[in-house]
Amino acid sequence: MNKIEQAIECFNKQDWNGAIDLFTSVLETDTANAEVYNNLGLCYANLGNEEKAEKNYLHSIDLNPQIPQTYINLVDIYYKQRRLGEGINLLHFAIEHLPGDLVFRHYLARFYMEDAKQDLAIDELEYILEKQPENYDAYYDLGRVYFELGIYDSAIENFENVLEYKNENEWIYYYLGEAYQANDDIDKALSNFLKAIARNNRLAIAYKKAGILYLAREDYEDAIEYLEDYIELGIPEEEKDNITKLIERIKAKQK
């Protein structure tokens, strides 16, 4: 077993320090091995040393800008550290060298979303969907962008597109409910909040949304039922007190 194989064995056992020693030893004679620098970066990242991880990822990219995973590893650090400008620059560099890999455009869209550059995010997501019309993650992100922009019809359209491919995720129904509610379609909003609950009966916020919408429709019994369920789902005490008082007011209306 050579040193790289030994290092990978240590890596797989999560012996990060052992892997670092072996990968470093490899570089003593193979100084231009971009894969080894990438692996060193991963080891340091797993040890929580993001500064050394970044240094090794950058060196790997300098040696070989054609390794997709190195960009992803480094961009994850930039995203975590909220270094959005550096992440955007890196992703443009990645797209320049690996133009056919759409994952970088999706990362770029998400960096634009975090950087409040929604129009640029839309451009990237629409480009992805032109190439991959069944990419439900892109529809999801596009729905979130349009929701943030207050363009609720487009948000609804994109969330509905997600459901064509992935219809068991409670959060899709929840966000679709929010979009319908913002678009003043209370019945469809309520329907989607209930579908979210059907898929995850511990999704507290969906119970609250349903309870409030039932209250708006003056369906007091249903409002009480869902709000009472809500306060049993481990919400903060202050919120629990506020909702308990609301339930009491609703009950008082029924007398």
C-alpha atoms as a PDB file:
ATOM      1  CA  MET A   1       0.000   0.000   0.000  1.00  0.00           C
ATOM      2  CA  ASN A   2       1.516   3.346  -1.055  1.00  0.00           C
ATOM      3  CA  LYS A   3       1.350   6.552   0.969  1.00  0.00           C
ATOM      4  CA  ILE A   4      -1.675   7.972  -0.875  1.00  0.00           C
ATOM      5  CA  GLU A   5      -3.605   4.751  -0.244  1.00  0.00           C
ATOM      6  CA  GLN A   6      -2.574   4.841   3.415  1.00  0.00           C
ATOM      7  CA  ALA A   7      -3.639   8.493   3.652  1.00  0.00           C
ATOM      8  CA  ILE A   8      -7.019   7.726   2.103  1.00  0.00           C
ATOM      9  CA  GLU A   9      -7.462   4.855   4.550  1.00  0.00           C
ATOM     10  CA  CYS A  10      -6.792   7.256   7.443  1.00  0.00           C
ATOM     11  CA  PHE A  11      -9.194   9.754   5.857  1.00  0.00           C
ATOM     12  CA  ASN A  12     -11.947   7.137   5.621  1.00  0.00           C
ATOM     13  CA  LYS A  13     -11.381   6.307   9.295  1.00  0.00           C
ATOM     14  CA  GLN A  14     -11.632  10.046  10.109  1.00  0.00           C
ATOM     15  CA  ASP A  15      -8.058  10.015  11.365  1.00  0.00           C
ATOM     16  CA  TRP A  16      -7.522  13.527  10.045  1.00  0.00           C
ATOM     17  CA  ASN A  17      -4.115  14.124  11.614  1.00  0.00           C
ATOM     18  CA  GLY A  18      -2.804  10.796  10.357  1.00  0.00           C
ATOM     19  CA  ALA A  19      -4.075  11.605   6.866  1.00  0.00           C
ATOM     20  CA  ILE A  20      -2.468  15.058   6.999  1.00  0.00           C
ATOM     21  CA  ASP A  21       0.906  13.553   7.919  1.00  0.00           C
ATOM     22  CA  LEU A  22       0.729  11.080   5.038  1.00  0.00           C
ATOM     23  CA  PHE A  23      -0.564  13.544   2.428  1.00  0.00           C
ATOM     24  CA  THR A  24       2.132  16.018   3.459  1.00  0.00           C
ATOM     25  CA  SER A  25       4.738  13.307   3.091  1.00  0.00           C
ATOM     26  CA  VAL A  26       3.503  12.635  -0.451  1.00  0.00           C
ATOM     27  CA  LEU A  27       4.012  16.306  -1.346  1.00  0.00           C
ATOM     28  CA  GLU A  28       7.667  16.119  -0.421  1.00  0.00           C
ATOM     29  CA  THR A  29       8.276  14.267  -3.703  1.00  0.00           C
ATOM     30  CA  ASP A  30       5.098  15.081  -5.662  1.00  0.00           C
ATOM     31  CA  THR A  31       4.901  18.829  -5.170  1.00  0.00           C
ATOM     32  CA  ALA A  32       2.377  19.519  -7.958  1.00  0.00           C
ATOM     33  CA  ASN A  33      -0.334  17.022  -6.969  1.00  0.00           C
ATOM     34  CA  ALA A  34      -3.546  19.078  -6.948  1.00  0.00           C
ATOM     35  CA  GLU A  35      -5.674  16.169  -5.667  1.00  0.00           C
ATOM     36  CA  VAL A  36      -3.460  15.803  -2.603  1.00  0.00           C
ATOM     37  CA  TYR A  37      -3.768  19.508  -1.795  1.00  0.00           C
ATOM     38  CA  ASN A  38      -7.541  19.206  -2.107  1.00  0.00           C
ATOM     39  CA  ASN A  39      -7.520  16.225   0.250  1.00  0.00           C
ATOM     40  CA  LEU A  40      -5.344  18.133   2.707  1.00  0.00           C
ATOM     41  CA  GLY A  41      -7.887  20.941   2.587  1.00  0.00           C
ATOM     42  CA  LEU A  42     -10.652  18.485   3.454  1.00  0.00           C
ATOM     43  CA  CYS A  43      -8.658  17.146   6.401  1.00  0.00           C
ATOM     44  CA  TYR A  44      -8.072  20.620   7.798  1.00  0.00           C
ATOM     45  CA  ALA A  45     -11.722  21.536   7.247  1.00  0.00           C
ATOM     46  CA  ASN A  46     -12.795  18.482   9.222  1.00  0.00           C
ATOM     47  CA  LEU A  47     -10.472  19.582  12.018  1.00  0.00           C
ATOM     48  CA  GLY A  48     -12.103  23.016  11.990  1.00  0.00           C
ATOM     49  CA  ASN A  49      -8.999  24.768  10.655  1.00  0.00           C
ATOM     50  CA  GLU A  50     -10.653  26.618   7.791  1.00  0.00           C
ATOM     51  CA  GLU A  51      -7.678  28.928   7.256  1.00  0.00           C
ATOM     52  CA  LYS A  52      -5.367  26.024   6.365  1.00  0.00           C
ATOM     53  CA  ALA A  53      -8.189  24.337   4.434  1.00  0.00           C
ATOM     54  CA  GLU A  54      -8.635  27.445   2.285  1.00  0.00           C
ATOM     55  CA  LYS A  55      -4.881  27.719   1.673  1.00  0.00           C
ATOM     56  CA  ASN A  56      -4.716  24.142   0.404  1.00  0.00           C
ATOM     57  CA  TYR A  57      -7.830  24.444  -1.760  1.00  0.00           C
ATOM     58  CA  LEU A  58      -6.436  27.578  -3.409  1.00  0.00           C
ATOM     59  CA  HIS A  59      -3.141  25.851  -4.075  1.00  0.00           C
ATOM     60  CA  SER A  60      -5.002  22.896  -5.587  1.00  0.00           C
ATOM     61  CA  ILE A  61      -6.921  25.227  -7.917  1.00  0.00           C
ATOM     62  CA  ASP A  62      -3.715  27.006  -8.941  1.00  0.00           C
ATOM     63  CA  LEU A  63      -2.175  23.667  -9.890  1.00  0.00           C
ATOM     64  CA  ASN A  64      -5.249  22.293 -11.638  1.00  0.00           C
ATOM     65  CA  PRO A  65      -8.344  24.464 -12.200  1.00  0.00           C
ATOM     66  CA  GLN A  66     -10.224  21.475 -13.661  1.00  0.00           C
ATOM     67  CA  ILE A  67     -11.150  19.694 -10.392  1.00  0.00           C
ATOM     68  CA  PRO A  68     -14.819  20.513  -9.655  1.00  0.00           C
ATOM     69  CA  GLN A  69     -14.844  19.292  -6.053  1.00  0.00           C
ATOM     70  CA  THR A  70     -12.095  21.679  -4.970  1.00  0.00           C
ATOM     71  CA  TYR A  71     -14.236  24.670  -5.939  1.00  0.00           C
ATOM     72  CA  ILE A  72     -17.197  23.221  -4.077  1.00  0.00           C
ATOM     73  CA  ASN A  73     -15.130  22.581  -0.957  1.00  0.00           C
ATOM     74  CA  LEU A  74     -13.771  26.128  -0.950  1.00  0.00           C
ATOM     75  CA  VAL A  75     -17.049  27.807  -1.800  1.00  0.00           C
ATOM     76  CA  ASP A  76     -18.661  26.016   1.154  1.00  0.00           C
ATOM     77  CA  ILE A  77     -16.164  27.774   3.426  1.00  0.00           C
ATOM     78  CA  TYR A  78     -16.894  31.165   1.848  1.00  0.00           C
ATOM     79  CA  TYR A  79     -20.648  30.579   2.208  1.00  0.00           C
ATOM     80  CA  LYS A  80     -20.320  29.535   5.840  1.00  0.00           C
ATOM     81  CA  GLN A  81     -18.138  32.564   6.616  1.00  0.00           C
ATOM     82  CA  ARG A  82     -20.455  34.916   4.678  1.00  0.00           C
ATOM     83  CA  ARG A  83     -17.604  35.912   2.354  1.00  0.00           C
ATOM     84  CA  LEU A  84     -20.062  36.376  -0.467  1.00  0.00           C
ATOM     85  CA  GLY A  85     -17.917  38.511  -2.762  1.00  0.00           C
ATOM     86  CA  GLU A  86     -15.032  36.047  -2.667  1.00  0.00           C
ATOM     87  CA  GLY A  87     -17.434  33.183  -3.273  1.00  0.00           C
ATOM     88  CA  ILE A  88     -18.963  34.919  -6.280  1.00  0.00           C
ATOM     89  CA  ASN A  89     -15.530  35.627  -7.752  1.00  0.00           C
ATOM     90  CA  LEU A  90     -14.462  32.013  -7.237  1.00  0.00           C
ATOM     91  CA  LEU A  91     -17.617  30.703  -8.892  1.00  0.00           C
ATOM     92  CA  HIS A  92     -17.112  32.932 -11.924  1.00  0.00           C
ATOM     93  CA  PHE A  93     -13.593  31.496 -12.177  1.00  0.00           C
ATOM     94  CA  ALA A  94     -14.986  27.959 -11.884  1.00  0.00           C
ATOM     95  CA  ILE A  95     -17.575  28.613 -14.621  1.00  0.00           C
ATOM     96  CA  GLU A  96     -14.848  30.001 -16.872  1.00  0.00           C
ATOM     97  CA  HIS A  97     -12.804  26.806 -16.536  1.00  0.00           C
ATOM     98  CA  LEU A  98     -15.678  24.305 -16.293  1.00  0.00           C
ATOM     99  CA  PRO A  99     -18.496  25.923 -18.277  1.00  0.00           C
ATOM    100  CA  GLY A 100     -20.482  22.731 -18.698  1.00  0.00           C
ATOM    101  CA  ASP A 101     -20.878  22.068 -14.974  1.00  0.00           C
ATOM    102  CA  LEU A 102     -24.172  23.719 -13.996  1.00  0.00           C
ATOM    103  CA  VAL A 103     -23.653  23.099 -10.293  1.00  0.00           C
ATOM    104  CA  PHE A 104     -21.440  26.186 -10.180  1.00  0.00           C
ATOM    105  CA  ARG A 105     -24.212  28.340 -11.645  1.00  0.00           C
ATOM    106  CA  HIS A 106     -26.571  27.021  -8.986  1.00  0.00           C
ATOM    107  CA  TYR A 107     -24.091  27.873  -6.249  1.00  0.00           C
ATOM    108  CA  LEU A 108     -23.665  31.289  -7.859  1.00  0.00           C
ATOM    109  CA  ALA A 109     -27.436  31.848  -7.822  1.00  0.00           C
ATOM    110  CA  ARG A 110     -27.528  31.054  -4.110  1.00  0.00           C
ATOM    111  CA  PHE A 111     -24.661  33.437  -3.403  1.00  0.00           C
ATOM    112  CA  TYR A 112     -26.527  36.138  -5.351  1.00  0.00           C
ATOM    113  CA  MET A 113     -29.658  35.412  -3.305  1.00  0.00           C
ATOM    114  CA  GLU A 114     -27.715  35.848  -0.061  1.00  0.00           C
ATOM    115  CA  ASP A 115     -26.096  39.008  -1.433  1.00  0.00           C
ATOM    116  CA  ALA A 116     -29.515  40.528  -2.295  1.00  0.00           C
ATOM    117  CA  LYS A 117     -28.746  40.409  -6.017  1.00  0.00           C
ATOM    118  CA  GLN A 118     -32.044  38.793  -6.903  1.00  0.00           C
ATOM    119  CA  ASP A 119     -32.093  39.733 -10.594  1.00  0.00           C
ATOM    120  CA  LEU A 120     -28.716  38.068 -11.115  1.00  0.00           C
ATOM    121  CA  ALA A 121     -29.925  35.007  -9.219  1.00  0.00           C
ATOM    122  CA  ILE A 122     -32.956  34.778 -11.524  1.00  0.00           C
ATOM    123  CA  ASP A 123     -30.694  34.945 -14.585  1.00  0.00           C
ATOM    124  CA  GLU A 124     -28.607  32.019 -13.340  1.00  0.00           C
ATOM    125  CA  LEU A 125     -31.598  29.903 -12.317  1.00  0.00           C
ATOM    126  CA  GLU A 126     -33.394  30.463 -15.603  1.00  0.00           C
ATOM    127  CA  TYR A 127     -30.217  29.506 -17.473  1.00  0.00           C
ATOM    128  CA  ILE A 128     -30.069  26.266 -15.485  1.00  0.00           C
ATOM    129  CA  LEU A 129     -33.715  25.479 -16.240  1.00  0.00           C
ATOM    130  CA  GLU A 130     -33.152  26.037 -19.943  1.00  0.00           C
ATOM    131  CA  LYS A 131     -30.526  23.296 -19.803  1.00  0.00           C
ATOM    132  CA  GLN A 132     -32.188  21.139 -17.130  1.00  0.00           C
ATOM    133  CA  PRO A 133     -35.976  21.661 -17.258  1.00  0.00           C
ATOM    134  CA  GLU A 134     -36.511  19.008 -14.580  1.00  0.00           C
ATOM    135  CA  ASN A 135     -34.168  20.571 -12.013  1.00  0.00           C
ATOM    136  CA  TYR A 136     -36.624  20.935  -9.118  1.00  0.00           C
ATOM    137  CA  ASP A 137     -33.984  22.527  -6.863  1.00  0.00           C
ATOM    138  CA  ALA A 138     -33.707  25.389  -9.355  1.00  0.00           C
ATOM    139  CA  TYR A 139     -37.513  25.784  -9.420  1.00  0.00           C
ATOM    140  CA  TYR A 140     -37.489  25.864  -5.634  1.00  0.00           C
ATOM    141  CA  ASP A 141     -34.825  28.566  -5.447  1.00  0.00           C
ATOM    142  CA  LEU A 142     -36.540  30.557  -8.185  1.00  0.00           C
ATOM    143  CA  GLY A 143     -39.773  30.386  -6.203  1.00  0.00           C
ATOM    144  CA  ARG A 144     -38.002  31.725  -3.125  1.00  0.00           C
ATOM    145  CA  VAL A 145     -36.459  34.594  -5.122  1.00  0.00           C
ATOM    146  CA  TYR A 146     -39.803  35.624  -6.591  1.00  0.00           C
ATOM    147  CA  PHE A 147     -41.405  35.399  -3.152  1.00  0.00           C
ATOM    148  CA  GLU A 148     -38.758  37.732  -1.707  1.00  0.00           C
ATOM    149  CA  LEU A 149     -39.413  40.131  -4.592  1.00  0.00           C
ATOM    150  CA  GLY A 150     -43.163  40.053  -3.904  1.00  0.00           C
ATOM    151  CA  ILE A 151     -43.944  38.507  -7.301  1.00  0.00           C
ATOM    152  CA  TYR A 152     -46.254  35.903  -5.835  1.00  0.00           C
ATOM    153  CA  ASP A 153     -47.777  34.516  -9.040  1.00  0.00           C
ATOM    154  CA  SER A 154     -44.311  33.556 -10.264  1.00  0.00           C
ATOM    155  CA  ALA A 155     -43.378  32.165  -6.846  1.00  0.00           C
ATOM    156  CA  ILE A 156     -46.496  29.972  -6.922  1.00  0.00           C
ATOM    157  CA  GLU A 157     -45.769  28.783 -10.450  1.00  0.00           C
ATOM    158  CA  ASN A 158     -42.264  27.686  -9.529  1.00  0.00           C
ATOM    159  CA  PHE A 159     -43.279  25.985  -6.288  1.00  0.00           C
ATOM    160  CA  GLU A 160     -46.010  24.134  -8.193  1.00  0.00           C
ATOM    161  CA  ASN A 161     -43.323  23.009 -10.660  1.00  0.00           C
ATOM    162  CA  VAL A 162     -41.352  21.511  -7.776  1.00  0.00           C
ATOM    163  CA  LEU A 163     -44.359  19.383  -6.831  1.00  0.00           C
ATOM    164  CA  GLU A 164     -44.284  17.698 -10.220  1.00  0.00           C
ATOM    165  CA  TYR A 165     -41.022  16.055  -9.177  1.00  0.00           C
ATOM    166  CA  LYS A 166     -41.034  16.091  -5.388  1.00  0.00           C
ATOM    167  CA  ASN A 167     -44.389  16.023  -3.624  1.00  0.00           C
ATOM    168  CA  GLU A 168     -43.555  14.607  -0.199  1.00  0.00           C
ATOM    169  CA  ASN A 169     -41.563  17.535   1.191  1.00  0.00           C
ATOM    170  CA  GLU A 170     -43.536  19.453   3.798  1.00  0.00           C
ATOM    171  CA  TRP A 171     -41.572  22.669   3.227  1.00  0.00           C
ATOM    172  CA  ILE A 172     -42.626  22.936  -0.407  1.00  0.00           C
ATOM    173  CA  TYR A 173     -46.263  22.921   0.678  1.00  0.00           C
ATOM    174  CA  TYR A 174     -45.492  25.360   3.475  1.00  0.00           C
ATOM    175  CA  TYR A 175     -43.791  27.862   1.159  1.00  0.00           C
ATOM    176  CA  LEU A 176     -46.541  27.394  -1.405  1.00  0.00           C
ATOM    177  CA  GLY A 177     -49.047  28.165   1.340  1.00  0.00           C
ATOM    178  CA  GLU A 178     -47.149  31.341   2.202  1.00  0.00           C
ATOM    179  CA  ALA A 179     -47.144  32.406  -1.446  1.00  0.00           C
ATOM    180  CA  TYR A 180     -50.896  31.818  -1.826  1.00  0.00           C
ATOM    181  CA  GLN A 181     -51.527  33.671   1.422  1.00  0.00           C
ATOM    182  CA  ALA A 182     -49.460  36.631   0.252  1.00  0.00           C
ATOM    183  CA  ASN A 183     -51.420  36.502  -3.007  1.00  0.00           C
ATOM    184  CA  ASP A 184     -54.722  36.711  -1.032  1.00  0.00           C
ATOM    185  CA  ASP A 185     -55.862  33.208  -1.967  1.00  0.00           C
ATOM    186  CA  ILE A 186     -56.754  32.038   1.524  1.00  0.00           C
ATOM    187  CA  ASP A 187     -58.396  28.747   0.559  1.00  0.00           C
ATOM    188  CA  LYS A 188     -55.366  27.507  -1.403  1.00  0.00           C
ATOM    189  CA  ALA A 189     -53.027  28.803   1.285  1.00  0.00           C
ATOM    190  CA  LEU A 190     -54.897  26.862   3.949  1.00  0.00           C
ATOM    191  CA  SER A 191     -54.993  23.750   1.773  1.00  0.00           C
ATOM    192  CA  ASN A 192     -51.222  23.790   1.402  1.00  0.00           C
ATOM    193  CA  PHE A 193     -50.554  24.384   5.088  1.00  0.00           C
ATOM    194  CA  LEU A 194     -52.732  21.349   5.829  1.00  0.00           C
ATOM    195  CA  LYS A 195     -50.797  19.305   3.255  1.00  0.00           C
ATOM    196  CA  ALA A 196     -47.566  20.345   4.974  1.00  0.00           C
ATOM    197  CA  ILE A 197     -48.968  19.102   8.297  1.00  0.00           C
ATOM    198  CA  ALA A 198     -50.082  15.834   6.679  1.00  0.00           C
ATOM    199  CA  ARG A 199     -46.472  15.203   5.670  1.00  0.00           C
ATOM    200  CA  ASN A 200     -44.963  16.305   8.969  1.00  0.00           C
ATOM    201  CA  ASN A 201     -47.260  16.457  11.970  1.00  0.00           C
ATOM    202  CA  ARG A 202     -44.509  18.156  14.000  1.00  0.00           C
ATOM    203  CA  LEU A 203     -44.191  21.202  11.701  1.00  0.00           C
ATOM    204  CA  ALA A 204     -45.297  23.715  14.309  1.00  0.00           C
ATOM    205  CA  ILE A 205     -45.381  26.838  12.145  1.00  0.00           C
ATOM    206  CA  ALA A 206     -47.829  25.216   9.720  1.00  0.00           C
ATOM    207  CA  TYR A 207     -50.287  24.616  12.592  1.00  0.00           C
ATOM    208  CA  LYS A 208     -50.073  28.279  13.531  1.00  0.00           C
ATOM    209  CA  LYS A 209     -50.620  29.392   9.946  1.00  0.00           C
ATOM    210  CA  ALA A 210     -53.614  27.069   9.593  1.00  0.00           C
ATOM    211  CA  GLY A 211     -55.088  28.241  12.892  1.00  0.00           C
ATOM    212  CA  ILE A 212     -54.783  31.911  11.956  1.00  0.00           C
ATOM    213  CA  LEU A 213     -56.356  31.352   8.538  1.00  0.00           C
ATOM    214  CA  TYR A 214     -59.258  29.411  10.063  1.00  0.00           C
ATOM    215  CA  LEU A 215     -59.705  32.336  12.445  1.00  0.00           C
ATOM    216  CA  ALA A 216     -59.746  34.765   9.511  1.00  0.00           C
ATOM    217  CA  ARG A 217     -62.538  32.645   7.976  1.00  0.00           C
ATOM    218  CA  GLU A 218     -64.334  32.666  11.336  1.00  0.00           C
ATOM    219  CA  ASP A 219     -64.072  28.879  11.555  1.00  0.00           C
ATOM    220  CA  TYR A 220     -63.520  29.131  15.279  1.00  0.00           C
ATOM    221  CA  GLU A 221     -63.574  25.437  16.172  1.00  0.00           C
ATOM    222  CA  ASP A 222     -60.906  24.600  13.616  1.00  0.00           C
ATOM    223  CA  ALA A 223     -58.888  27.662  14.621  1.00  0.00           C
ATOM    224  CA  ILE A 224     -58.886  26.521  18.240  1.00  0.00           C
ATOM    225  CA  GLU A 225     -57.979  22.955  17.285  1.00  0.00           C
ATOM    226  CA  TYR A 226     -54.926  23.910  15.260  1.00  0.00           C
ATOM    227  CA  LEU A 227     -53.747  26.592  17.678  1.00  0.00           C
ATOM    228  CA  GLU A 228     -54.046  24.175  20.584  1.00  0.00           C
ATOM    229  CA  ASP A 229     -52.001  21.653  18.627  1.00  0.00           C
ATOM    230  CA  TYR A 230     -49.461  24.385  17.929  1.00  0.00           C
ATOM    231  CA  ILE A 231     -48.810  25.191  21.591  1.00  0.00           C
ATOM    232  CA  GLU A 232     -48.104  21.514  22.274  1.00  0.00           C
ATOM    233  CA  LEU A 233     -45.195  21.395  19.840  1.00  0.00           C
ATOM    234  CA  GLY A 234     -42.392  22.794  21.958  1.00  0.00           C
ATOM    235  CA  ILE A 235     -42.693  26.469  21.038  1.00  0.00           C
ATOM    236  CA  PRO A 236     -41.081  29.204  23.212  1.00  0.00           C
ATOM    237  CA  GLU A 237     -42.929  30.008  26.438  1.00  0.00           C
ATOM    238  CA  GLU A 238     -43.642  33.619  25.454  1.00  0.00           C
ATOM    239  CA  GLU A 239     -45.197  32.490  22.185  1.00  0.00           C
ATOM    240  CA  LYS A 240     -47.144  29.798  24.027  1.00  0.00           C
ATOM    241  CA  ASP A 241     -48.552  32.409  26.431  1.00  0.00           C
ATOM    242  CA  ASN A 242     -49.580  34.700  23.559  1.00  0.00           C
ATOM    243  CA  ILE A 243     -51.329  31.926  21.644  1.00  0.00           C
ATOM    244  CA  THR A 244     -53.043  30.657  24.803  1.00  0.00           C
ATOM    245  CA  LYS A 245     -54.502  34.139  25.335  1.00  0.00           C
ATOM    246  CA  LEU A 246     -55.627  34.221  21.704  1.00  0.00           C
ATOM    247  CA  ILE A 247     -57.371  30.867  22.121  1.00  0.00           C
ATOM    248  CA  GLU A 248     -59.132  32.200  25.208  1.00  0.00           C
ATOM    249  CA  ARG A 249     -60.363  35.224  23.251  1.00  0.00           C
ATOM    250  CA  ILE A 250     -61.649  32.995  20.465  1.00  0.00           C
ATOM    251  CA  LYS A 251     -63.506  30.806  22.972  1.00  0.00           C
ATOM    252  CA  ALA A 252     -65.004  33.914  24.544  1.00  0.00           C
ATOM    253  CA  LYS A 253     -66.395  34.917  21.136  1.00  0.00           C
ATOM    254  CA  GLN A 254     -68.242  31.617  20.929  1.00  0.00           C
ATOM    255  CA  LYS A 255     -70.197  32.196  24.122  1.00  0.00           C
END
